[in-house]
Amino acid sequence: MVGRCDIALDFDDVPQLVTRTVALVPLRFCDMTEEMALLEGEDDSLESWRAGHERYYRRLGIFAPDMPLIWERFELVEDLREGQA
């Protein structure tokens, strides 16, 4: 839901960040754009995004070029790591 806040935890379940959802975009896998893929921050091109995500979804046994996705954009609300040793 747009406006929802979430807390990101580290591997020890310690809160690290508070984020707020600012956009949710329903789309098909094949309709992912270069801009959206780059904003995700894991890849340097749409092609590498597609290759990596296709591998992931194939491992799960659910890949289809027209499979529905929801792309989420969020913003940082608070960095809870400040002051942690």
PDB file of N, CA and C in Angstrom:
ATOM      1  N   MET A   1       0.841  -1.164   0.000  1.00  0.00           N
ATOM      2  CA  MET A   1       0.000   0.000   0.000  1.00  0.00           C
ATOM      3  C   MET A   1       0.896   1.240   0.000  1.00  0.00           C
ATOM      4  N   VAL A   2       0.603   2.173  -0.870  1.00  0.00           N
ATOM      5  CA  VAL A   2       1.355   3.424  -0.916  1.00  0.00           C
ATOM      6  C   VAL A   2       1.159   4.155   0.407  1.00  0.00           C
ATOM      7  N   GLY A   3       2.258   4.630   0.979  1.00  0.00           N
ATOM      8  CA  GLY A   3       2.234   5.310   2.267  1.00  0.00           C
ATOM      9  C   GLY A   3       2.599   4.411   3.437  1.00  0.00           C
ATOM     10  N   ARG A   4       2.608   3.098   3.216  1.00  0.00           N
ATOM     11  CA  ARG A   4       2.938   2.151   4.285  1.00  0.00           C
ATOM     12  C   ARG A   4       4.412   2.253   4.647  1.00  0.00           C
ATOM     13  N   CYS A   5       4.711   2.171   5.923  1.00  0.00           N
ATOM     14  CA  CYS A   5       6.096   2.149   6.399  1.00  0.00           C
ATOM     15  C   CYS A   5       6.475   0.727   6.779  1.00  0.00           C
ATOM     16  N   ASP A   6       7.721   0.372   6.508  1.00  0.00           N
ATOM     17  CA  ASP A   6       8.260  -0.943   6.838  1.00  0.00           C
ATOM     18  C   ASP A   6       9.591  -0.768   7.545  1.00  0.00           C
ATOM     19  N   ILE A   7       9.959  -1.767   8.322  1.00  0.00           N
ATOM     20  CA  ILE A   7      11.247  -1.777   9.011  1.00  0.00           C
ATOM     21  C   ILE A   7      12.086  -2.897   8.413  1.00  0.00           C
ATOM     22  N   ALA A   8      13.273  -2.550   7.918  1.00  0.00           N
ATOM     23  CA  ALA A   8      14.209  -3.534   7.379  1.00  0.00           C
ATOM     24  C   ALA A   8      15.106  -4.012   8.514  1.00  0.00           C
ATOM     25  N   LEU A   9      15.221  -5.336   8.636  1.00  0.00           N
ATOM     26  CA  LEU A   9      16.030  -5.950   9.688  1.00  0.00           C
ATOM     27  C   LEU A   9      17.326  -6.492   9.105  1.00  0.00           C
ATOM     28  N   ASP A  10      18.360  -6.605   9.947  1.00  0.00           N
ATOM     29  CA  ASP A  10      19.577  -7.273   9.506  1.00  0.00           C
ATOM     30  C   ASP A  10      19.427  -8.771   9.763  1.00  0.00           C
ATOM     31  N   PHE A  11      20.494  -9.538   9.538  1.00  0.00           N
ATOM     32  CA  PHE A  11      20.417 -10.988   9.685  1.00  0.00           C
ATOM     33  C   PHE A  11      20.210 -11.437  11.125  1.00  0.00           C
ATOM     34  N   ASP A  12      20.416 -10.535  12.081  1.00  0.00           N
ATOM     35  CA  ASP A  12      20.175 -10.844  13.490  1.00  0.00           C
ATOM     36  C   ASP A  12      18.828 -10.301  13.959  1.00  0.00           C
ATOM     37  N   ASP A  13      17.979  -9.898  13.016  1.00  0.00           N
ATOM     38  CA  ASP A  13      16.650  -9.337  13.302  1.00  0.00           C
ATOM     39  C   ASP A  13      16.703  -8.021  14.061  1.00  0.00           C
ATOM     40  N   VAL A  14      17.785  -7.277  13.883  1.00  0.00           N
ATOM     41  CA  VAL A  14      17.913  -5.957  14.500  1.00  0.00           C
ATOM     42  C   VAL A  14      17.428  -4.913  13.487  1.00  0.00           C
ATOM     43  N   PRO A  15      16.488  -4.044  13.864  1.00  0.00           N
ATOM     44  CA  PRO A  15      16.000  -3.018  12.937  1.00  0.00           C
ATOM     45  C   PRO A  15      17.135  -2.123  12.445  1.00  0.00           C
ATOM     46  N   GLN A  16      17.139  -1.873  11.113  1.00  0.00           N
ATOM     47  CA  GLN A  16      18.187  -1.067  10.497  1.00  0.00           C
ATOM     48  C   GLN A  16      17.651   0.191   9.825  1.00  0.00           C
ATOM     49  N   LEU A  17      16.526   0.064   9.129  1.00  0.00           N
ATOM     50  CA  LEU A  17      15.981   1.176   8.350  1.00  0.00           C
ATOM     51  C   LEU A  17      14.461   1.201   8.444  1.00  0.00           C
ATOM     52  N   VAL A  18      13.903   2.390   8.327  1.00  0.00           N
ATOM     53  CA  VAL A  18      12.463   2.549   8.147  1.00  0.00           C
ATOM     54  C   VAL A  18      12.268   3.111   6.744  1.00  0.00           C
ATOM     55  N   THR A  19      11.426   2.445   5.952  1.00  0.00           N
ATOM     56  CA  THR A  19      11.141   2.901   4.595  1.00  0.00           C
ATOM     57  C   THR A  19       9.645   3.156   4.438  1.00  0.00           C
ATOM     58  N   ARG A  20       9.312   3.976   3.444  1.00  0.00           N
ATOM     59  CA  ARG A  20       7.904   4.253   3.125  1.00  0.00           C
ATOM     60  C   ARG A  20       7.686   3.968   1.640  1.00  0.00           C
ATOM     61  N   THR A  21       6.650   3.210   1.324  1.00  0.00           N
ATOM     62  CA  THR A  21       6.290   2.928  -0.062  1.00  0.00           C
ATOM     63  C   THR A  21       5.714   4.183  -0.693  1.00  0.00           C
ATOM     64  N   VAL A  22       6.286   4.587  -1.834  1.00  0.00           N
ATOM     65  CA  VAL A  22       5.802   5.786  -2.526  1.00  0.00           C
ATOM     66  C   VAL A  22       5.143   5.461  -3.866  1.00  0.00           C
ATOM     67  N   ALA A  23       5.351   4.249  -4.389  1.00  0.00           N
ATOM     68  CA  ALA A  23       4.698   3.859  -5.643  1.00  0.00           C
ATOM     69  C   ALA A  23       4.631   2.346  -5.743  1.00  0.00           C
ATOM     70  N   LEU A  24       3.534   1.854  -6.281  1.00  0.00           N
ATOM     71  CA  LEU A  24       3.355   0.445  -6.614  1.00  0.00           C
ATOM     72  C   LEU A  24       2.861   0.397  -8.056  1.00  0.00           C
ATOM     73  N   VAL A  25       3.603  -0.311  -8.904  1.00  0.00           N
ATOM     74  CA  VAL A  25       3.271  -0.341 -10.328  1.00  0.00           C
ATOM     75  C   VAL A  25       3.068  -1.793 -10.762  1.00  0.00           C
ATOM     76  N   PRO A  26       1.831  -2.182 -11.072  1.00  0.00           N
ATOM     77  CA  PRO A  26       1.620  -3.531 -11.605  1.00  0.00           C
ATOM     78  C   PRO A  26       2.067  -3.584 -13.069  1.00  0.00           C
ATOM     79  N   LEU A  27       2.793  -4.634 -13.426  1.00  0.00           N
ATOM     80  CA  LEU A  27       3.256  -4.802 -14.798  1.00  0.00           C
ATOM     81  C   LEU A  27       3.601  -6.254 -15.033  1.00  0.00           C
ATOM     82  N   ARG A  28       3.786  -6.613 -16.299  1.00  0.00           N
ATOM     83  CA  ARG A  28       4.235  -7.960 -16.639  1.00  0.00           C
ATOM     84  C   ARG A  28       5.765  -7.969 -16.672  1.00  0.00           C
ATOM     85  N   PHE A  29       6.347  -9.128 -16.447  1.00  0.00           N
ATOM     86  CA  PHE A  29       7.808  -9.266 -16.489  1.00  0.00           C
ATOM     87  C   PHE A  29       8.366  -8.662 -17.775  1.00  0.00           C
ATOM     88  N   CYS A  30       7.743  -8.957 -18.895  1.00  0.00           N
ATOM     89  CA  CYS A  30       8.235  -8.493 -20.195  1.00  0.00           C
ATOM     90  C   CYS A  30       8.088  -6.989 -20.389  1.00  0.00           C
ATOM     91  N   ASP A  31       7.351  -6.317 -19.525  1.00  0.00           N
ATOM     92  CA  ASP A  31       7.144  -4.873 -19.649  1.00  0.00           C
ATOM     93  C   ASP A  31       8.025  -4.043 -18.713  1.00  0.00           C
ATOM     94  N   MET A  32       8.925  -4.698 -17.981  1.00  0.00           N
ATOM     95  CA  MET A  32       9.847  -3.963 -17.114  1.00  0.00           C
ATOM     96  C   MET A  32      10.655  -2.985 -17.960  1.00  0.00           C
ATOM     97  N   THR A  33      10.848  -1.778 -17.444  1.00  0.00           N
ATOM     98  CA  THR A  33      11.601  -0.768 -18.187  1.00  0.00           C
ATOM     99  C   THR A  33      13.036  -0.675 -17.674  1.00  0.00           C
ATOM    100  N   GLU A  34      13.888  -0.110 -18.497  1.00  0.00           N
ATOM    101  CA  GLU A  34      15.283   0.122 -18.104  1.00  0.00           C
ATOM    102  C   GLU A  34      15.336   1.006 -16.858  1.00  0.00           C
ATOM    103  N   GLU A  35      14.537   2.069 -16.839  1.00  0.00           N
ATOM    104  CA  GLU A  35      14.536   2.988 -15.700  1.00  0.00           C
ATOM    105  C   GLU A  35      14.167   2.271 -14.407  1.00  0.00           C
ATOM    106  N   MET A  36      13.123   1.460 -14.444  1.00  0.00           N
ATOM    107  CA  MET A  36      12.698   0.742 -13.241  1.00  0.00           C
ATOM    108  C   MET A  36      13.755  -0.258 -12.796  1.00  0.00           C
ATOM    109  N   ALA A  37      14.341  -0.970 -13.749  1.00  0.00           N
ATOM    110  CA  ALA A  37      15.375  -1.953 -13.415  1.00  0.00           C
ATOM    111  C   ALA A  37      16.573  -1.280 -12.763  1.00  0.00           C
ATOM    112  N   LEU A  38      16.997  -0.136 -13.298  1.00  0.00           N
ATOM    113  CA  LEU A  38      18.150   0.567 -12.735  1.00  0.00           C
ATOM    114  C   LEU A  38      17.838   1.134 -11.360  1.00  0.00           C
ATOM    115  N   LEU A  39      16.613   1.611 -11.154  1.00  0.00           N
ATOM    116  CA  LEU A  39      16.240   2.142  -9.840  1.00  0.00           C
ATOM    117  C   LEU A  39      16.253   1.066  -8.762  1.00  0.00           C
ATOM    118  N   GLU A  40      16.061  -0.185  -9.162  1.00  0.00           N
ATOM    119  CA  GLU A  40      16.122  -1.273  -8.189  1.00  0.00           C
ATOM    120  C   GLU A  40      17.518  -1.379  -7.580  1.00  0.00           C
ATOM    121  N   GLY A  41      18.536  -0.965  -8.340  1.00  0.00           N
ATOM    122  CA  GLY A  41      19.877  -0.846  -7.787  1.00  0.00           C
ATOM    123  C   GLY A  41      20.721  -2.098  -7.756  1.00  0.00           C
ATOM    124  N   GLU A  42      20.246  -3.198  -8.316  1.00  0.00           N
ATOM    125  CA  GLU A  42      21.014  -4.439  -8.284  1.00  0.00           C
ATOM    126  C   GLU A  42      21.761  -4.708  -9.578  1.00  0.00           C
ATOM    127  N   ASP A  43      21.334  -4.102 -10.666  1.00  0.00           N
ATOM    128  CA  ASP A  43      21.900  -4.393 -11.979  1.00  0.00           C
ATOM    129  C   ASP A  43      22.289  -3.098 -12.677  1.00  0.00           C
ATOM    130  N   ASP A  44      23.090  -3.245 -13.750  1.00  0.00           N
ATOM    131  CA  ASP A  44      23.527  -2.065 -14.492  1.00  0.00           C
ATOM    132  C   ASP A  44      22.850  -1.935 -15.851  1.00  0.00           C
ATOM    133  N   SER A  45      21.890  -2.813 -16.134  1.00  0.00           N
ATOM    134  CA  SER A  45      21.139  -2.729 -17.387  1.00  0.00           C
ATOM    135  C   SER A  45      19.848  -3.524 -17.255  1.00  0.00           C
ATOM    136  N   LEU A  46      18.923  -3.257 -18.147  1.00  0.00           N
ATOM    137  CA  LEU A  46      17.677  -4.021 -18.182  1.00  0.00           C
ATOM    138  C   LEU A  46      17.961  -5.480 -18.514  1.00  0.00           C
ATOM    139  N   GLU A  47      18.920  -5.718 -19.397  1.00  0.00           N
ATOM    140  CA  GLU A  47      19.253  -7.087 -19.789  1.00  0.00           C
ATOM    141  C   GLU A  47      19.756  -7.902 -18.599  1.00  0.00           C
ATOM    142  N   SER A  48      20.626  -7.317 -17.780  1.00  0.00           N
ATOM    143  CA  SER A  48      21.129  -8.067 -16.618  1.00  0.00           C
ATOM    144  C   SER A  48      20.026  -8.257 -15.585  1.00  0.00           C
ATOM    145  N   TRP A  49      19.132  -7.281 -15.447  1.00  0.00           N
ATOM    146  CA  TRP A  49      17.981  -7.434 -14.542  1.00  0.00           C
ATOM    147  C   TRP A  49      17.130  -8.616 -14.998  1.00  0.00           C
ATOM    148  N   ARG A  50      16.817  -8.642 -16.306  1.00  0.00           N
ATOM    149  CA  ARG A  50      15.969  -9.726 -16.833  1.00  0.00           C
ATOM    150  C   ARG A  50      16.633 -11.084 -16.639  1.00  0.00           C
ATOM    151  N   ALA A  51      17.924 -11.174 -16.946  1.00  0.00           N
ATOM    152  CA  ALA A  51      18.629 -12.456 -16.828  1.00  0.00           C
ATOM    153  C   ALA A  51      18.630 -12.949 -15.387  1.00  0.00           C
ATOM    154  N   GLY A  52      18.963 -12.085 -14.451  1.00  0.00           N
ATOM    155  CA  GLY A  52      19.013 -12.486 -13.047  1.00  0.00           C
ATOM    156  C   GLY A  52      17.655 -12.847 -12.484  1.00  0.00           C
ATOM    157  N   HIS A  53      16.652 -12.061 -12.812  1.00  0.00           N
ATOM    158  CA  HIS A  53      15.310 -12.342 -12.297  1.00  0.00           C
ATOM    159  C   HIS A  53      14.692 -13.564 -12.970  1.00  0.00           C
ATOM    160  N   GLU A  54      14.989 -13.754 -14.242  1.00  0.00           N
ATOM    161  CA  GLU A  54      14.487 -14.963 -14.904  1.00  0.00           C
ATOM    162  C   GLU A  54      15.083 -16.213 -14.255  1.00  0.00           C
ATOM    163  N   ARG A  55      16.393 -16.199 -13.973  1.00  0.00           N
ATOM    164  CA  ARG A  55      17.023 -17.340 -13.284  1.00  0.00           C
ATOM    165  C   ARG A  55      16.332 -17.606 -11.953  1.00  0.00           C
ATOM    166  N   TYR A  56      16.095 -16.542 -11.190  1.00  0.00           N
ATOM    167  CA  TYR A  56      15.457 -16.679  -9.880  1.00  0.00           C
ATOM    168  C   TYR A  56      14.066 -17.305 -10.013  1.00  0.00           C
ATOM    169  N   TYR A  57      13.240 -16.761 -10.893  1.00  0.00           N
ATOM    170  CA  TYR A  57      11.876 -17.273 -11.034  1.00  0.00           C
ATOM    171  C   TYR A  57      11.853 -18.676 -11.632  1.00  0.00           C
ATOM    172  N   ARG A  58      12.815 -19.011 -12.484  1.00  0.00           N
ATOM    173  CA  ARG A  58      12.892 -20.380 -13.011  1.00  0.00           C
ATOM    174  C   ARG A  58      13.239 -21.364 -11.893  1.00  0.00           C
ATOM    175  N   ARG A  59      14.148 -20.966 -10.989  1.00  0.00           N
ATOM    176  CA  ARG A  59      14.471 -21.840  -9.849  1.00  0.00           C
ATOM    177  C   ARG A  59      13.231 -22.119  -9.016  1.00  0.00           C
ATOM    178  N   LEU A  60      12.351 -21.136  -8.913  1.00  0.00           N
ATOM    179  CA  LEU A  60      11.102 -21.316  -8.171  1.00  0.00           C
ATOM    180  C   LEU A  60      10.054 -22.070  -8.982  1.00  0.00           C
ATOM    181  N   GLY A  61      10.319 -22.241 -10.279  1.00  0.00           N
ATOM    182  CA  GLY A  61       9.384 -22.943 -11.148  1.00  0.00           C
ATOM    183  C   GLY A  61       8.175 -22.122 -11.552  1.00  0.00           C
ATOM    184  N   ILE A  62       8.310 -20.796 -11.541  1.00  0.00           N
ATOM    185  CA  ILE A  62       7.144 -19.955 -11.823  1.00  0.00           C
ATOM    186  C   ILE A  62       7.374 -18.952 -12.946  1.00  0.00           C
ATOM    187  N   PHE A  63       8.489 -19.047 -13.679  1.00  0.00           N
ATOM    188  CA  PHE A  63       8.769 -18.026 -14.686  1.00  0.00           C
ATOM    189  C   PHE A  63       7.851 -18.127 -15.890  1.00  0.00           C
ATOM    190  N   ALA A  64       7.393 -16.972 -16.350  1.00  0.00           N
ATOM    191  CA  ALA A  64       6.711 -16.809 -17.638  1.00  0.00           C
ATOM    192  C   ALA A  64       6.980 -15.379 -18.087  1.00  0.00           C
ATOM    193  N   PRO A  65       7.237 -15.150 -19.368  1.00  0.00           N
ATOM    194  CA  PRO A  65       7.531 -13.793 -19.833  1.00  0.00           C
ATOM    195  C   PRO A  65       6.427 -12.788 -19.516  1.00  0.00           C
ATOM    196  N   ASP A  66       5.199 -13.276 -19.456  1.00  0.00           N
ATOM    197  CA  ASP A  66       4.077 -12.373 -19.178  1.00  0.00           C
ATOM    198  C   ASP A  66       3.584 -12.467 -17.734  1.00  0.00           C
ATOM    199  N   MET A  67       4.426 -13.028 -16.861  1.00  0.00           N
ATOM    200  CA  MET A  67       4.007 -13.165 -15.459  1.00  0.00           C
ATOM    201  C   MET A  67       3.810 -11.790 -14.823  1.00  0.00           C
ATOM    202  N   PRO A  68       2.793 -11.661 -13.970  1.00  0.00           N
ATOM    203  CA  PRO A  68       2.550 -10.371 -13.324  1.00  0.00           C
ATOM    204  C   PRO A  68       3.555 -10.108 -12.202  1.00  0.00           C
ATOM    205  N   LEU A  69       3.967  -8.855 -12.115  1.00  0.00           N
ATOM    206  CA  LEU A  69       4.850  -8.382 -11.049  1.00  0.00           C
ATOM    207  C   LEU A  69       4.249  -7.113 -10.463  1.00  0.00           C
ATOM    208  N   ILE A  70       4.716  -6.753  -9.297  1.00  0.00           N
ATOM    209  CA  ILE A  70       4.422  -5.432  -8.743  1.00  0.00           C
ATOM    210  C   ILE A  70       5.762  -4.807  -8.394  1.00  0.00           C
ATOM    211  N   TRP A  71       6.070  -3.697  -9.055  1.00  0.00           N
ATOM    212  CA  TRP A  71       7.314  -2.965  -8.811  1.00  0.00           C
ATOM    213  C   TRP A  71       7.037  -1.928  -7.731  1.00  0.00           C
ATOM    214  N   GLU A  72       7.869  -1.945  -6.697  1.00  0.00           N
ATOM    215  CA  GLU A  72       7.682  -1.032  -5.563  1.00  0.00           C
ATOM    216  C   GLU A  72       8.822  -0.025  -5.514  1.00  0.00           C
ATOM    217  N   ARG A  73       8.459   1.230  -5.357  1.00  0.00           N
ATOM    218  CA  ARG A  73       9.459   2.273  -5.112  1.00  0.00           C
ATOM    219  C   ARG A  73       9.243   2.760  -3.690  1.00  0.00           C
ATOM    220  N   PHE A  74      10.345   2.927  -2.963  1.00  0.00           N
ATOM    221  CA  PHE A  74      10.230   3.379  -1.578  1.00  0.00           C
ATOM    222  C   PHE A  74      11.275   4.434  -1.294  1.00  0.00           C
ATOM    223  N   GLU A  75      11.065   5.141  -0.190  1.00  0.00           N
ATOM    224  CA  GLU A  75      12.014   6.167   0.241  1.00  0.00           C
ATOM    225  C   GLU A  75      12.456   5.855   1.663  1.00  0.00           C
ATOM    226  N   LEU A  76      13.635   6.307   1.995  1.00  0.00           N
ATOM    227  CA  LEU A  76      14.155   6.144   3.346  1.00  0.00           C
ATOM    228  C   LEU A  76      13.492   7.159   4.263  1.00  0.00           C
ATOM    229  N   VAL A  77      12.928   6.672   5.349  1.00  0.00           N
ATOM    230  CA  VAL A  77      12.323   7.541   6.358  1.00  0.00           C
ATOM    231  C   VAL A  77      13.321   7.798   7.477  1.00  0.00           C
ATOM    232  N   GLU A  78      13.970   6.717   7.931  1.00  0.00           N
ATOM    233  CA  GLU A  78      14.920   6.852   9.043  1.00  0.00           C
ATOM    234  C   GLU A  78      15.962   5.747   8.980  1.00  0.00           C
ATOM    235  N   ASP A  79      17.207   6.116   9.216  1.00  0.00           N
ATOM    236  CA  ASP A  79      18.305   5.161   9.310  1.00  0.00           C
ATOM    237  C   ASP A  79      18.514   4.876  10.789  1.00  0.00           C
ATOM    238  N   LEU A  80      18.131   3.681  11.218  1.00  0.00           N
ATOM    239  CA  LEU A  80      18.213   3.317  12.634  1.00  0.00           C
ATOM    240  C   LEU A  80      19.615   2.880  13.042  1.00  0.00           C
ATOM    241  N   ARG A  81      20.523   2.785  12.080  1.00  0.00           N
ATOM    242  CA  ARG A  81      21.894   2.352  12.381  1.00  0.00           C
ATOM    243  C   ARG A  81      22.723   3.464  12.996  1.00  0.00           C
ATOM    244  N   GLU A  82      22.297   4.686  12.833  1.00  0.00           N
ATOM    245  CA  GLU A  82      23.058   5.811  13.379  1.00  0.00           C
ATOM    246  C   GLU A  82      23.189   5.648  14.891  1.00  0.00           C
ATOM    247  N   GLY A  83      24.407   5.714  15.352  1.00  0.00           N
ATOM    248  CA  GLY A  83      24.658   5.580  16.778  1.00  0.00           C
ATOM    249  C   GLY A  83      24.870   4.148  17.230  1.00  0.00           C
ATOM    250  N   GLN A  84      24.666   3.157  16.328  1.00  0.00           N
ATOM    251  CA  GLN A  84      24.922   1.769  16.701  1.00  0.00           C
ATOM    252  C   GLN A  84      26.416   1.500  16.613  1.00  0.00           C
ATOM    253  N   ALA A  85      26.918   0.736  17.550  1.00  0.00           N
ATOM    254  CA  ALA A  85      28.351   0.413  17.551  1.00  0.00           C
ATOM    255  C   ALA A  85      28.640  -0.774  16.687  1.00  0.00           C
TER     256      ALA A  85
END
